[in-house]
Amino acid sequence: MAVAAVNSPPRRARGLRYALIFILLAFGGTALWTWLTLSWSYSDGTYGGLLQKFSRKGWFCKTEEGDLVLAQFAVAGVAPRIWHFSVRDPALGAELEKVVGKSVRLHYTEHPGIPSTCFGETRYFVDGFVLGEQGAPAPPTPPASPSSTPGAPPMPAMPAQPLSPGAPPAAPAASPSKS
């Protein structure tokens, strides 16, 4: 019995070995989870709007972050929807910095569950963009008739001619009569 006690490692050494194995497994599991969440995307898609801001953020891990305003035109009394995104590619970030203030379509991939903000502050990573089309439709215009009473007849249209100083105003166009 005395021989078996001499060959077995002390309890303290066994505890340190288990702690070291646990730490290595935890580190390996975290590294595997990080790799999995960054390489596999949950979803991908496209957002279009006005690129409002693009900046580098962070105390220790500098990440490139941006804001996209989703509304193409302002509506009085309604706050615009802003979509926050991250960029992992520095070359793409440099290109996006050049188009701040312009209409763009951004292609993104969504990566939920990333264990650190060192890769980006959001779960949405932009991997490409296209500048907005020059012939994009204009925002809707208000109706020509300022009538606020429902069912009221429309006001006659005024001719589109400039007024010269001292000239009398033009007469309104005759509205077609109903027969």
C-alpha atoms as a PDB file:
ATOM      1  CA  MET A   1       0.000   0.000   0.000  1.00  0.00           C
ATOM      2  CA  ALA A   2       2.852   2.352   0.647  1.00  0.00           C
ATOM      3  CA  VAL A   3       4.141   1.844  -2.895  1.00  0.00           C
ATOM      4  CA  ALA A   4       0.822   3.016  -4.468  1.00  0.00           C
ATOM      5  CA  ALA A   5       0.848   6.223  -2.405  1.00  0.00           C
ATOM      6  CA  VAL A   6       4.364   7.080  -3.596  1.00  0.00           C
ATOM      7  CA  ASN A   7       3.556   6.717  -7.358  1.00  0.00           C
ATOM      8  CA  SER A   8       0.264   8.729  -7.393  1.00  0.00           C
ATOM      9  CA  PRO A   9       0.472  12.487  -7.991  1.00  0.00           C
ATOM     10  CA  PRO A  10      -0.426  14.712  -5.060  1.00  0.00           C
ATOM     11  CA  ARG A  11      -3.991  16.026  -4.888  1.00  0.00           C
ATOM     12  CA  ARG A  12      -2.833  19.594  -5.514  1.00  0.00           C
ATOM     13  CA  ALA A  13      -1.157  18.651  -8.825  1.00  0.00           C
ATOM     14  CA  ARG A  14      -4.297  16.840  -9.943  1.00  0.00           C
ATOM     15  CA  GLY A  15      -6.433  19.914  -9.184  1.00  0.00           C
ATOM     16  CA  LEU A  16      -4.089  22.156 -11.177  1.00  0.00           C
ATOM     17  CA  ARG A  17      -4.204  19.738 -14.098  1.00  0.00           C
ATOM     18  CA  TYR A  18      -8.029  19.786 -14.095  1.00  0.00           C
ATOM     19  CA  ALA A  19      -8.077  23.594 -13.866  1.00  0.00           C
ATOM     20  CA  LEU A  20      -5.639  23.862 -16.782  1.00  0.00           C
ATOM     21  CA  ILE A  21      -7.745  21.460 -18.885  1.00  0.00           C
ATOM     22  CA  PHE A  22     -10.899  23.445 -18.050  1.00  0.00           C
ATOM     23  CA  ILE A  23      -9.239  26.760 -19.007  1.00  0.00           C
ATOM     24  CA  LEU A  24      -7.954  25.302 -22.298  1.00  0.00           C
ATOM     25  CA  LEU A  25     -11.407  23.887 -23.136  1.00  0.00           C
ATOM     26  CA  ALA A  26     -13.100  27.210 -22.311  1.00  0.00           C
ATOM     27  CA  PHE A  27     -10.605  29.140 -24.454  1.00  0.00           C
ATOM     28  CA  GLY A  28     -10.892  26.637 -27.301  1.00  0.00           C
ATOM     29  CA  GLY A  29     -14.698  26.660 -27.112  1.00  0.00           C
ATOM     30  CA  THR A  30     -14.800  30.463 -27.192  1.00  0.00           C
ATOM     31  CA  ALA A  31     -12.402  30.555 -30.149  1.00  0.00           C
ATOM     32  CA  LEU A  32     -14.476  27.943 -31.986  1.00  0.00           C
ATOM     33  CA  TRP A  33     -17.730  29.826 -31.261  1.00  0.00           C
ATOM     34  CA  THR A  34     -16.185  33.119 -32.457  1.00  0.00           C
ATOM     35  CA  TRP A  35     -14.953  31.511 -35.672  1.00  0.00           C
ATOM     36  CA  LEU A  36     -18.344  29.888 -36.257  1.00  0.00           C
ATOM     37  CA  THR A  37     -20.355  33.095 -35.739  1.00  0.00           C
ATOM     38  CA  LEU A  38     -18.039  35.144 -37.967  1.00  0.00           C
ATOM     39  CA  SER A  39     -17.829  32.624 -40.813  1.00  0.00           C
ATOM     40  CA  TRP A  40     -21.491  31.528 -40.900  1.00  0.00           C
ATOM     41  CA  SER A  41     -24.151  34.140 -41.618  1.00  0.00           C
ATOM     42  CA  TYR A  42     -27.670  33.876 -40.273  1.00  0.00           C
ATOM     43  CA  SER A  43     -29.110  36.063 -43.040  1.00  0.00           C
ATOM     44  CA  ASP A  44     -28.095  38.458 -45.785  1.00  0.00           C
ATOM     45  CA  GLY A  45     -29.847  41.195 -47.696  1.00  0.00           C
ATOM     46  CA  THR A  46     -29.818  44.756 -48.953  1.00  0.00           C
ATOM     47  CA  TYR A  47     -30.735  48.054 -47.341  1.00  0.00           C
ATOM     48  CA  GLY A  48     -31.058  51.301 -49.287  1.00  0.00           C
ATOM     49  CA  GLY A  49     -30.986  54.850 -48.050  1.00  0.00           C
ATOM     50  CA  LEU A  50     -28.814  57.862 -47.332  1.00  0.00           C
ATOM     51  CA  LEU A  51     -25.389  57.134 -45.804  1.00  0.00           C
ATOM     52  CA  GLN A  52     -25.446  59.591 -42.921  1.00  0.00           C
ATOM     53  CA  LYS A  53     -22.310  58.732 -40.938  1.00  0.00           C
ATOM     54  CA  PHE A  54     -19.241  56.519 -41.141  1.00  0.00           C
ATOM     55  CA  SER A  55     -16.591  56.442 -38.416  1.00  0.00           C
ATOM     56  CA  ARG A  56     -13.949  54.423 -36.589  1.00  0.00           C
ATOM     57  CA  LYS A  57     -14.898  53.695 -32.967  1.00  0.00           C
ATOM     58  CA  GLY A  58     -13.469  51.943 -29.944  1.00  0.00           C
ATOM     59  CA  TRP A  59     -10.980  52.296 -27.104  1.00  0.00           C
ATOM     60  CA  PHE A  60      -8.936  49.163 -27.736  1.00  0.00           C
ATOM     61  CA  CYS A  61     -10.514  47.484 -30.757  1.00  0.00           C
ATOM     62  CA  LYS A  62     -11.091  50.065 -33.494  1.00  0.00           C
ATOM     63  CA  THR A  63     -14.114  49.103 -35.587  1.00  0.00           C
ATOM     64  CA  GLU A  64     -15.678  50.864 -38.549  1.00  0.00           C
ATOM     65  CA  GLU A  65     -19.329  51.721 -37.956  1.00  0.00           C
ATOM     66  CA  GLY A  66     -21.932  53.540 -40.039  1.00  0.00           C
ATOM     67  CA  ASP A  67     -25.496  54.838 -39.999  1.00  0.00           C
ATOM     68  CA  LEU A  68     -27.910  54.603 -42.915  1.00  0.00           C
ATOM     69  CA  VAL A  69     -31.073  56.753 -42.956  1.00  0.00           C
ATOM     70  CA  LEU A  70     -33.762  54.535 -44.456  1.00  0.00           C
ATOM     71  CA  ALA A  71     -36.176  57.312 -45.514  1.00  0.00           C
ATOM     72  CA  GLN A  72     -35.327  58.991 -48.810  1.00  0.00           C
ATOM     73  CA  PHE A  73     -37.156  62.196 -47.888  1.00  0.00           C
ATOM     74  CA  ALA A  74     -38.062  63.982 -44.684  1.00  0.00           C
ATOM     75  CA  VAL A  75     -41.603  63.869 -43.359  1.00  0.00           C
ATOM     76  CA  ALA A  76     -42.603  66.554 -40.888  1.00  0.00           C
ATOM     77  CA  GLY A  77     -43.186  65.196 -37.401  1.00  0.00           C
ATOM     78  CA  VAL A  78     -41.785  61.724 -38.111  1.00  0.00           C
ATOM     79  CA  ALA A  79     -38.354  60.669 -36.919  1.00  0.00           C
ATOM     80  CA  PRO A  80     -36.328  58.893 -39.609  1.00  0.00           C
ATOM     81  CA  ARG A  81     -35.416  55.228 -39.157  1.00  0.00           C
ATOM     82  CA  ILE A  82     -31.678  54.763 -38.831  1.00  0.00           C
ATOM     83  CA  TRP A  83     -29.950  51.433 -39.453  1.00  0.00           C
ATOM     84  CA  HIS A  84     -26.585  50.882 -37.750  1.00  0.00           C
ATOM     85  CA  PHE A  85     -23.983  48.622 -39.367  1.00  0.00           C
ATOM     86  CA  SER A  86     -20.343  47.532 -39.100  1.00  0.00           C
ATOM     87  CA  VAL A  87     -17.654  47.011 -41.747  1.00  0.00           C
ATOM     88  CA  ARG A  88     -14.839  44.474 -41.353  1.00  0.00           C
ATOM     89  CA  ASP A  89     -12.950  45.228 -44.590  1.00  0.00           C
ATOM     90  CA  PRO A  90     -10.755  48.388 -44.330  1.00  0.00           C
ATOM     91  CA  ALA A  91     -10.736  48.875 -48.128  1.00  0.00           C
ATOM     92  CA  LEU A  92     -14.550  48.868 -48.205  1.00  0.00           C
ATOM     93  CA  GLY A  93     -14.554  51.267 -45.260  1.00  0.00           C
ATOM     94  CA  ALA A  94     -12.339  53.704 -47.172  1.00  0.00           C
ATOM     95  CA  GLU A  95     -14.729  53.565 -50.144  1.00  0.00           C
ATOM     96  CA  LEU A  96     -17.786  54.127 -47.926  1.00  0.00           C
ATOM     97  CA  GLU A  97     -16.121  57.150 -46.344  1.00  0.00           C
ATOM     98  CA  LYS A  98     -16.017  58.785 -49.782  1.00  0.00           C
ATOM     99  CA  VAL A  99     -19.798  58.456 -50.335  1.00  0.00           C
ATOM    100  CA  VAL A 100     -21.090  59.796 -47.010  1.00  0.00           C
ATOM    101  CA  GLY A 101     -24.125  61.965 -47.728  1.00  0.00           C
ATOM    102  CA  LYS A 102     -25.122  60.063 -50.870  1.00  0.00           C
ATOM    103  CA  SER A 103     -27.836  57.526 -51.605  1.00  0.00           C
ATOM    104  CA  VAL A 104     -26.479  53.966 -51.473  1.00  0.00           C
ATOM    105  CA  ARG A 105     -27.636  50.350 -51.422  1.00  0.00           C
ATOM    106  CA  LEU A 106     -25.675  48.265 -48.909  1.00  0.00           C
ATOM    107  CA  HIS A 107     -25.378  44.473 -49.022  1.00  0.00           C
ATOM    108  CA  TYR A 108     -25.038  42.985 -45.537  1.00  0.00           C
ATOM    109  CA  THR A 109     -24.738  39.678 -43.701  1.00  0.00           C
ATOM    110  CA  GLU A 110     -26.131  39.153 -40.211  1.00  0.00           C
ATOM    111  CA  HIS A 111     -23.987  37.369 -37.623  1.00  0.00           C
ATOM    112  CA  PRO A 112     -25.821  36.972 -34.282  1.00  0.00           C
ATOM    113  CA  GLY A 113     -24.049  35.803 -31.135  1.00  0.00           C
ATOM    114  CA  ILE A 114     -20.552  37.219 -31.673  1.00  0.00           C
ATOM    115  CA  PRO A 115     -18.993  37.143 -28.189  1.00  0.00           C
ATOM    116  CA  SER A 116     -17.059  40.430 -28.443  1.00  0.00           C
ATOM    117  CA  THR A 117     -17.476  43.936 -29.836  1.00  0.00           C
ATOM    118  CA  CYS A 118     -13.897  43.835 -31.161  1.00  0.00           C
ATOM    119  CA  PHE A 119     -15.296  42.625 -34.497  1.00  0.00           C
ATOM    120  CA  GLY A 120     -18.051  45.252 -34.712  1.00  0.00           C
ATOM    121  CA  GLU A 121     -20.625  46.922 -32.506  1.00  0.00           C
ATOM    122  CA  THR A 122     -23.567  45.531 -34.460  1.00  0.00           C
ATOM    123  CA  ARG A 123     -24.560  42.124 -35.746  1.00  0.00           C
ATOM    124  CA  TYR A 124     -24.857  43.485 -39.318  1.00  0.00           C
ATOM    125  CA  PHE A 125     -21.677  43.487 -41.427  1.00  0.00           C
ATOM    126  CA  VAL A 126     -21.678  45.317 -44.772  1.00  0.00           C
ATOM    127  CA  ASP A 127     -19.670  43.543 -47.463  1.00  0.00           C
ATOM    128  CA  GLY A 128     -20.530  45.639 -50.538  1.00  0.00           C
ATOM    129  CA  PHE A 129     -22.405  48.684 -51.767  1.00  0.00           C
ATOM    130  CA  VAL A 130     -23.780  50.333 -54.899  1.00  0.00           C
ATOM    131  CA  LEU A 131     -24.396  54.051 -55.313  1.00  0.00           C
ATOM    132  CA  GLY A 132     -28.059  54.978 -55.689  1.00  0.00           C
ATOM    133  CA  GLU A 133     -29.417  55.496 -59.195  1.00  0.00           C
ATOM    134  CA  GLN A 134     -29.477  59.027 -60.621  1.00  0.00           C
ATOM    135  CA  GLY A 135     -33.003  58.515 -61.968  1.00  0.00           C
ATOM    136  CA  ALA A 136     -34.504  57.528 -58.638  1.00  0.00           C
ATOM    137  CA  PRO A 137     -38.151  58.509 -58.261  1.00  0.00           C
ATOM    138  CA  ALA A 138     -38.779  61.847 -56.594  1.00  0.00           C
ATOM    139  CA  PRO A 139     -40.655  61.961 -53.308  1.00  0.00           C
ATOM    140  CA  PRO A 140     -44.414  62.323 -53.620  1.00  0.00           C
ATOM    141  CA  THR A 141     -45.650  65.893 -53.993  1.00  0.00           C
ATOM    142  CA  PRO A 142     -48.589  67.308 -52.082  1.00  0.00           C
ATOM    143  CA  PRO A 143     -51.881  67.600 -53.982  1.00  0.00           C
ATOM    144  CA  ALA A 144     -52.327  70.726 -56.127  1.00  0.00           C
ATOM    145  CA  SER A 145     -55.618  71.549 -54.427  1.00  0.00           C
ATOM    146  CA  PRO A 146     -55.212  73.034 -50.942  1.00  0.00           C
ATOM    147  CA  SER A 147     -58.840  72.265 -50.151  1.00  0.00           C
ATOM    148  CA  SER A 148     -59.089  70.729 -46.704  1.00  0.00           C
ATOM    149  CA  THR A 149     -62.806  69.968 -46.784  1.00  0.00           C
ATOM    150  CA  PRO A 150     -63.564  66.452 -48.005  1.00  0.00           C
ATOM    151  CA  GLY A 151     -65.924  66.455 -50.952  1.00  0.00           C
ATOM    152  CA  ALA A 152     -65.413  70.177 -51.682  1.00  0.00           C
ATOM    153  CA  PRO A 153     -64.880  71.104 -55.330  1.00  0.00           C
ATOM    154  CA  PRO A 154     -61.253  71.667 -56.284  1.00  0.00           C
ATOM    155  CA  MET A 155     -59.986  75.202 -56.567  1.00  0.00           C
ATOM    156  CA  PRO A 156     -59.380  76.402 -60.149  1.00  0.00           C
ATOM    157  CA  ALA A 157     -55.801  76.206 -61.325  1.00  0.00           C
ATOM    158  CA  MET A 158     -53.858  79.403 -61.877  1.00  0.00           C
ATOM    159  CA  PRO A 159     -51.951  79.756 -65.148  1.00  0.00           C
ATOM    160  CA  ALA A 160     -48.212  79.342 -64.819  1.00  0.00           C
ATOM    161  CA  GLN A 161     -47.100  82.760 -66.090  1.00  0.00           C
ATOM    162  CA  PRO A 162     -44.864  85.227 -64.331  1.00  0.00           C
ATOM    163  CA  LEU A 163     -46.286  88.528 -63.160  1.00  0.00           C
ATOM    164  CA  SER A 164     -44.574  91.684 -64.296  1.00  0.00           C
ATOM    165  CA  PRO A 165     -44.497  94.669 -61.932  1.00  0.00           C
ATOM    166  CA  GLY A 166     -47.611  96.780 -62.263  1.00  0.00           C
ATOM    167  CA  ALA A 167     -49.484  94.214 -64.389  1.00  0.00           C
ATOM    168  CA  PRO A 168     -52.881  93.017 -63.201  1.00  0.00           C
ATOM    169  CA  PRO A 169     -53.064  89.385 -62.060  1.00  0.00           C
ATOM    170  CA  ALA A 170     -54.223  86.894 -64.657  1.00  0.00           C
ATOM    171  CA  ALA A 171     -57.788  85.627 -64.476  1.00  0.00           C
ATOM    172  CA  PRO A 172     -58.236  82.059 -63.290  1.00  0.00           C
ATOM    173  CA  ALA A 173     -58.787  79.445 -65.938  1.00  0.00           C
ATOM    174  CA  ALA A 174     -62.389  78.539 -66.562  1.00  0.00           C
ATOM    175  CA  SER A 175     -63.331  75.221 -65.086  1.00  0.00           C
ATOM    176  CA  PRO A 176     -65.258  72.828 -67.297  1.00  0.00           C
ATOM    177  CA  SER A 177     -68.946  72.861 -66.550  1.00  0.00           C
ATOM    178  CA  LYS A 178     -70.802  69.697 -65.802  1.00  0.00           C
ATOM    179  CA  SER A 179     -73.793  69.029 -68.025  1.00  0.00           C
END
